[in-house]
Amino acid sequence: MQPIYLAAQESSLLGFLPMIAIVAVMYFFFIRPQMRRQKEENKFRNALEKGMKVVTTSGIHGKILEVDDTNVLLECENCRLRFVRAAISKELTASTYPSK
């Protein structure tokens, strides 16, 4: 009777193995890279300073005139616009104004 019980227990553990593998793959291919990108975005936004040329998430190009804890004042063509720091995009800025 004991060998049948052990076989049933092993088969139930093997049934969970594909689910565990799927969760591990999702973590390493989706969640972890997204967390890394998020960390880089936050580091970029914290490093914003006066005089930098940036692009917002809505596609507005401008030069930073003023930076405070939560807002950024941009000069665009003939106007000044105030944005929240989160509206500045690292990816758009890097592709438009590559670092030298």
N, C-alpha and C. Protein backbone atom coordinates (compact mmCIF):
# COMPACT_ATOMS: atom_id res chain seq x y z
N MET A 1 0.81 -1.19 0.00
CA MET A 1 0.00 0.00 0.00
C MET A 1 0.87 1.27 0.00
N GLN A 2 1.98 1.23 0.63
CA GLN A 2 2.84 2.41 0.69
C GLN A 2 3.40 2.81 -0.68
N PRO A 3 3.83 1.92 -1.54
CA PRO A 3 4.35 2.33 -2.84
C PRO A 3 3.31 3.08 -3.68
N ILE A 4 2.04 2.72 -3.59
CA ILE A 4 1.00 3.42 -4.34
C ILE A 4 0.85 4.85 -3.82
N TYR A 5 0.92 5.03 -2.50
CA TYR A 5 0.81 6.35 -1.89
C TYR A 5 1.97 7.25 -2.34
N LEU A 6 3.18 6.72 -2.37
CA LEU A 6 4.34 7.50 -2.78
C LEU A 6 4.25 7.87 -4.26
N ALA A 7 3.74 6.96 -5.07
CA ALA A 7 3.58 7.24 -6.49
C ALA A 7 2.56 8.35 -6.71
N ALA A 8 1.49 8.35 -5.96
CA ALA A 8 0.47 9.41 -6.08
C ALA A 8 1.03 10.75 -5.64
N GLN A 9 1.83 10.73 -4.59
CA GLN A 9 2.42 11.97 -4.09
C GLN A 9 3.44 12.53 -5.11
N GLU A 10 4.23 11.69 -5.71
CA GLU A 10 5.21 12.13 -6.70
C GLU A 10 4.51 12.69 -7.94
N SER A 11 3.42 12.06 -8.36
CA SER A 11 2.73 12.55 -9.55
C SER A 11 2.07 13.91 -9.28
N SER A 12 1.62 14.14 -8.07
CA SER A 12 1.03 15.45 -7.77
C SER A 12 2.11 16.53 -7.75
N LEU A 13 3.31 16.20 -7.30
CA LEU A 13 4.41 17.16 -7.32
C LEU A 13 4.86 17.44 -8.75
N LEU A 14 4.87 16.41 -9.59
CA LEU A 14 5.22 16.60 -10.98
C LEU A 14 4.17 17.41 -11.73
N GLY A 15 2.96 17.40 -11.26
CA GLY A 15 1.89 18.19 -11.86
C GLY A 15 2.11 19.68 -11.66
N PHE A 16 2.74 20.07 -10.55
CA PHE A 16 3.01 21.48 -10.27
C PHE A 16 4.28 21.98 -10.94
N LEU A 17 5.12 21.09 -11.38
CA LEU A 17 6.40 21.49 -11.98
C LEU A 17 6.25 22.40 -13.20
N PRO A 18 5.35 22.12 -14.15
CA PRO A 18 5.19 23.04 -15.28
C PRO A 18 4.71 24.44 -14.85
N MET A 19 3.84 24.49 -13.85
CA MET A 19 3.35 25.79 -13.36
C MET A 19 4.48 26.59 -12.73
N ILE A 20 5.34 25.93 -11.98
CA ILE A 20 6.49 26.59 -11.36
C ILE A 20 7.45 27.08 -12.44
N ALA A 21 7.65 26.28 -13.48
CA ALA A 21 8.53 26.68 -14.58
C ALA A 21 7.96 27.89 -15.32
N ILE A 22 6.67 27.94 -15.53
CA ILE A 22 6.04 29.07 -16.22
C ILE A 22 6.20 30.35 -15.40
N VAL A 23 6.00 30.27 -14.10
CA VAL A 23 6.16 31.43 -13.23
C VAL A 23 7.61 31.91 -13.26
N ALA A 24 8.56 31.00 -13.21
CA ALA A 24 9.98 31.37 -13.24
C ALA A 24 10.34 32.06 -14.56
N VAL A 25 9.86 31.53 -15.67
CA VAL A 25 10.14 32.12 -16.98
C VAL A 25 9.53 33.52 -17.06
N MET A 26 8.30 33.68 -16.61
CA MET A 26 7.66 34.99 -16.62
C MET A 26 8.44 35.98 -15.78
N TYR A 27 8.93 35.57 -14.64
CA TYR A 27 9.70 36.47 -13.78
C TYR A 27 10.97 36.93 -14.47
N PHE A 28 11.73 36.00 -15.03
CA PHE A 28 13.02 36.35 -15.61
C PHE A 28 12.91 37.08 -16.96
N PHE A 29 11.84 36.86 -17.72
CA PHE A 29 11.72 37.49 -19.02
C PHE A 29 10.81 38.72 -19.05
N PHE A 30 9.92 38.88 -18.08
CA PHE A 30 8.99 40.00 -18.11
C PHE A 30 9.12 40.93 -16.90
N ILE A 31 9.03 40.38 -15.71
CA ILE A 31 8.98 41.20 -14.51
C ILE A 31 10.34 41.81 -14.18
N ARG A 32 11.38 41.03 -14.19
CA ARG A 32 12.70 41.54 -13.82
C ARG A 32 13.23 42.61 -14.77
N PRO A 33 13.15 42.44 -16.10
CA PRO A 33 13.59 43.52 -16.99
C PRO A 33 12.76 44.80 -16.84
N GLN A 34 11.46 44.65 -16.59
CA GLN A 34 10.61 45.82 -16.39
C GLN A 34 11.02 46.58 -15.13
N MET A 35 11.35 45.87 -14.07
CA MET A 35 11.81 46.52 -12.84
C MET A 35 13.12 47.25 -13.09
N ARG A 36 14.01 46.67 -13.87
CA ARG A 36 15.29 47.30 -14.19
C ARG A 36 15.08 48.59 -14.99
N ARG A 37 14.18 48.56 -15.99
CA ARG A 37 13.88 49.75 -16.78
C ARG A 37 13.28 50.85 -15.90
N GLN A 38 12.40 50.45 -15.00
CA GLN A 38 11.76 51.41 -14.09
C GLN A 38 12.80 52.08 -13.20
N LYS A 39 13.76 51.31 -12.72
CA LYS A 39 14.82 51.85 -11.88
C LYS A 39 15.68 52.85 -12.66
N GLU A 40 16.00 52.54 -13.91
CA GLU A 40 16.78 53.45 -14.76
C GLU A 40 16.01 54.74 -15.05
N GLU A 41 14.71 54.63 -15.31
CA GLU A 41 13.87 55.81 -15.54
C GLU A 41 13.89 56.72 -14.32
N ASN A 42 13.73 56.14 -13.14
CA ASN A 42 13.72 56.94 -11.91
C ASN A 42 15.07 57.62 -11.68
N LYS A 43 16.15 56.90 -11.98
CA LYS A 43 17.48 57.49 -11.82
C LYS A 43 17.66 58.66 -12.78
N PHE A 44 17.18 58.51 -14.03
CA PHE A 44 17.26 59.58 -15.02
C PHE A 44 16.46 60.79 -14.56
N ARG A 45 15.25 60.57 -14.08
CA ARG A 45 14.40 61.69 -13.64
C ARG A 45 14.98 62.40 -12.43
N ASN A 46 15.64 61.68 -11.55
CA ASN A 46 16.27 62.31 -10.39
C ASN A 46 17.51 63.09 -10.78
N ALA A 47 18.11 62.79 -11.93
CA ALA A 47 19.32 63.46 -12.38
C ALA A 47 19.03 64.65 -13.29
N LEU A 48 17.77 64.99 -13.50
CA LEU A 48 17.43 66.13 -14.36
C LEU A 48 18.01 67.41 -13.78
N GLU A 49 18.57 68.23 -14.66
CA GLU A 49 19.14 69.49 -14.20
C GLU A 49 18.90 70.59 -15.23
N LYS A 50 19.08 71.80 -14.80
CA LYS A 50 18.86 72.97 -15.64
C LYS A 50 19.76 72.92 -16.88
N GLY A 51 19.18 73.25 -18.04
CA GLY A 51 19.94 73.29 -19.28
C GLY A 51 19.86 72.03 -20.13
N MET A 52 19.36 70.93 -19.57
CA MET A 52 19.24 69.68 -20.33
C MET A 52 18.13 69.81 -21.37
N LYS A 53 18.35 69.22 -22.53
CA LYS A 53 17.30 69.14 -23.56
C LYS A 53 16.62 67.79 -23.40
N VAL A 54 15.29 67.82 -23.27
CA VAL A 54 14.54 66.59 -23.02
C VAL A 54 13.29 66.55 -23.89
N VAL A 55 12.66 65.38 -23.88
CA VAL A 55 11.39 65.16 -24.58
C VAL A 55 10.42 64.58 -23.56
N THR A 56 9.19 65.09 -23.55
CA THR A 56 8.19 64.56 -22.64
C THR A 56 7.54 63.32 -23.23
N THR A 57 6.76 62.63 -22.41
CA THR A 57 6.08 61.43 -22.89
C THR A 57 5.04 61.76 -23.95
N SER A 58 4.59 63.02 -23.99
CA SER A 58 3.62 63.43 -25.02
C SER A 58 4.31 63.93 -26.28
N GLY A 59 5.66 63.96 -26.28
CA GLY A 59 6.40 64.32 -27.48
C GLY A 59 6.82 65.77 -27.57
N ILE A 60 6.69 66.54 -26.49
CA ILE A 60 7.08 67.95 -26.51
C ILE A 60 8.57 68.05 -26.23
N HIS A 61 9.29 68.73 -27.11
CA HIS A 61 10.73 68.94 -26.97
C HIS A 61 10.96 70.26 -26.26
N GLY A 62 11.95 70.28 -25.37
CA GLY A 62 12.23 71.53 -24.69
C GLY A 62 13.53 71.48 -23.91
N LYS A 63 13.88 72.65 -23.39
CA LYS A 63 15.09 72.81 -22.58
C LYS A 63 14.65 73.13 -21.16
N ILE A 64 15.25 72.47 -20.19
CA ILE A 64 14.86 72.66 -18.80
C ILE A 64 15.36 74.01 -18.30
N LEU A 65 14.43 74.81 -17.77
CA LEU A 65 14.77 76.10 -17.19
C LEU A 65 14.86 76.04 -15.67
N GLU A 66 14.04 75.19 -15.09
CA GLU A 66 13.95 75.12 -13.63
C GLU A 66 13.53 73.72 -13.21
N VAL A 67 14.11 73.23 -12.14
CA VAL A 67 13.78 71.91 -11.62
C VAL A 67 13.53 72.03 -10.12
N ASP A 68 12.42 71.47 -9.65
CA ASP A 68 12.20 71.36 -8.20
C ASP A 68 11.86 69.91 -7.88
N ASP A 69 11.36 69.65 -6.69
CA ASP A 69 11.14 68.27 -6.24
C ASP A 69 10.18 67.49 -7.12
N THR A 70 9.11 68.12 -7.56
CA THR A 70 8.10 67.37 -8.32
C THR A 70 7.87 67.89 -9.74
N ASN A 71 8.28 69.12 -10.03
CA ASN A 71 7.98 69.73 -11.32
C ASN A 71 9.23 70.13 -12.08
N VAL A 72 9.04 70.30 -13.39
CA VAL A 72 10.11 70.75 -14.29
C VAL A 72 9.51 71.84 -15.17
N LEU A 73 10.21 72.96 -15.31
CA LEU A 73 9.78 74.04 -16.19
C LEU A 73 10.56 73.93 -17.48
N LEU A 74 9.84 73.73 -18.60
CA LEU A 74 10.48 73.58 -19.92
C LEU A 74 10.24 74.82 -20.76
N GLU A 75 11.25 75.18 -21.54
CA GLU A 75 11.09 76.23 -22.53
C GLU A 75 10.95 75.55 -23.89
N CYS A 76 9.83 75.81 -24.56
CA CYS A 76 9.53 75.20 -25.85
C CYS A 76 9.19 76.31 -26.83
N GLU A 77 10.00 76.46 -27.90
CA GLU A 77 9.78 77.51 -28.90
C GLU A 77 9.64 78.86 -28.20
N ASN A 78 8.42 79.40 -28.11
CA ASN A 78 8.21 80.71 -27.50
C ASN A 78 7.35 80.65 -26.24
N CYS A 79 7.33 79.52 -25.57
CA CYS A 79 6.49 79.41 -24.38
C CYS A 79 7.21 78.62 -23.30
N ARG A 80 6.69 78.70 -22.12
CA ARG A 80 7.20 77.93 -20.98
C ARG A 80 6.09 77.04 -20.45
N LEU A 81 6.42 75.79 -20.25
CA LEU A 81 5.44 74.82 -19.78
C LEU A 81 5.97 74.12 -18.54
N ARG A 82 5.08 73.87 -17.59
CA ARG A 82 5.46 73.17 -16.36
C ARG A 82 4.92 71.74 -16.44
N PHE A 83 5.81 70.78 -16.20
CA PHE A 83 5.46 69.36 -16.24
C PHE A 83 5.85 68.70 -14.93
N VAL A 84 5.19 67.61 -14.64
CA VAL A 84 5.59 66.75 -13.54
C VAL A 84 6.82 65.97 -14.01
N ARG A 85 7.75 65.68 -13.11
CA ARG A 85 8.97 64.96 -13.49
C ARG A 85 8.68 63.66 -14.22
N ALA A 86 7.61 62.99 -13.84
CA ALA A 86 7.28 61.69 -14.44
C ALA A 86 6.92 61.82 -15.92
N ALA A 87 6.66 63.04 -16.39
CA ALA A 87 6.31 63.24 -17.80
C ALA A 87 7.53 63.31 -18.70
N ILE A 88 8.73 63.33 -18.13
CA ILE A 88 9.95 63.37 -18.93
C ILE A 88 10.35 61.93 -19.24
N SER A 89 10.54 61.63 -20.53
CA SER A 89 10.83 60.26 -20.95
C SER A 89 12.32 60.08 -21.23
N LYS A 90 12.91 59.07 -20.62
CA LYS A 90 14.32 58.77 -20.86
C LYS A 90 14.52 58.23 -22.27
N GLU A 91 13.66 57.32 -22.70
CA GLU A 91 13.82 56.69 -24.01
C GLU A 91 13.70 57.71 -25.14
N LEU A 92 12.69 58.58 -25.09
CA LEU A 92 12.51 59.57 -26.14
C LEU A 92 13.65 60.58 -26.14
N THR A 93 14.11 60.97 -24.95
CA THR A 93 15.21 61.92 -24.86
C THR A 93 16.50 61.31 -25.39
N ALA A 94 16.76 60.06 -25.05
CA ALA A 94 17.99 59.40 -25.50
C ALA A 94 18.00 59.22 -27.01
N SER A 95 16.84 58.93 -27.60
CA SER A 95 16.82 58.73 -29.05
C SER A 95 16.89 60.07 -29.80
N THR A 96 16.36 61.14 -29.22
CA THR A 96 16.37 62.44 -29.88
C THR A 96 17.66 63.20 -29.65
N TYR A 97 18.14 63.17 -28.39
CA TYR A 97 19.37 63.88 -28.02
C TYR A 97 20.37 62.87 -27.46
N PRO A 98 21.07 62.12 -28.31
CA PRO A 98 22.01 61.13 -27.79
C PRO A 98 23.13 61.80 -27.02
N SER A 99 23.59 61.14 -25.97
CA SER A 99 24.68 61.69 -25.16
C SER A 99 25.98 61.64 -25.96
N LYS A 100 26.81 62.61 -25.72
CA LYS A 100 28.05 62.74 -26.51
C LYS A 100 29.18 61.96 -25.91
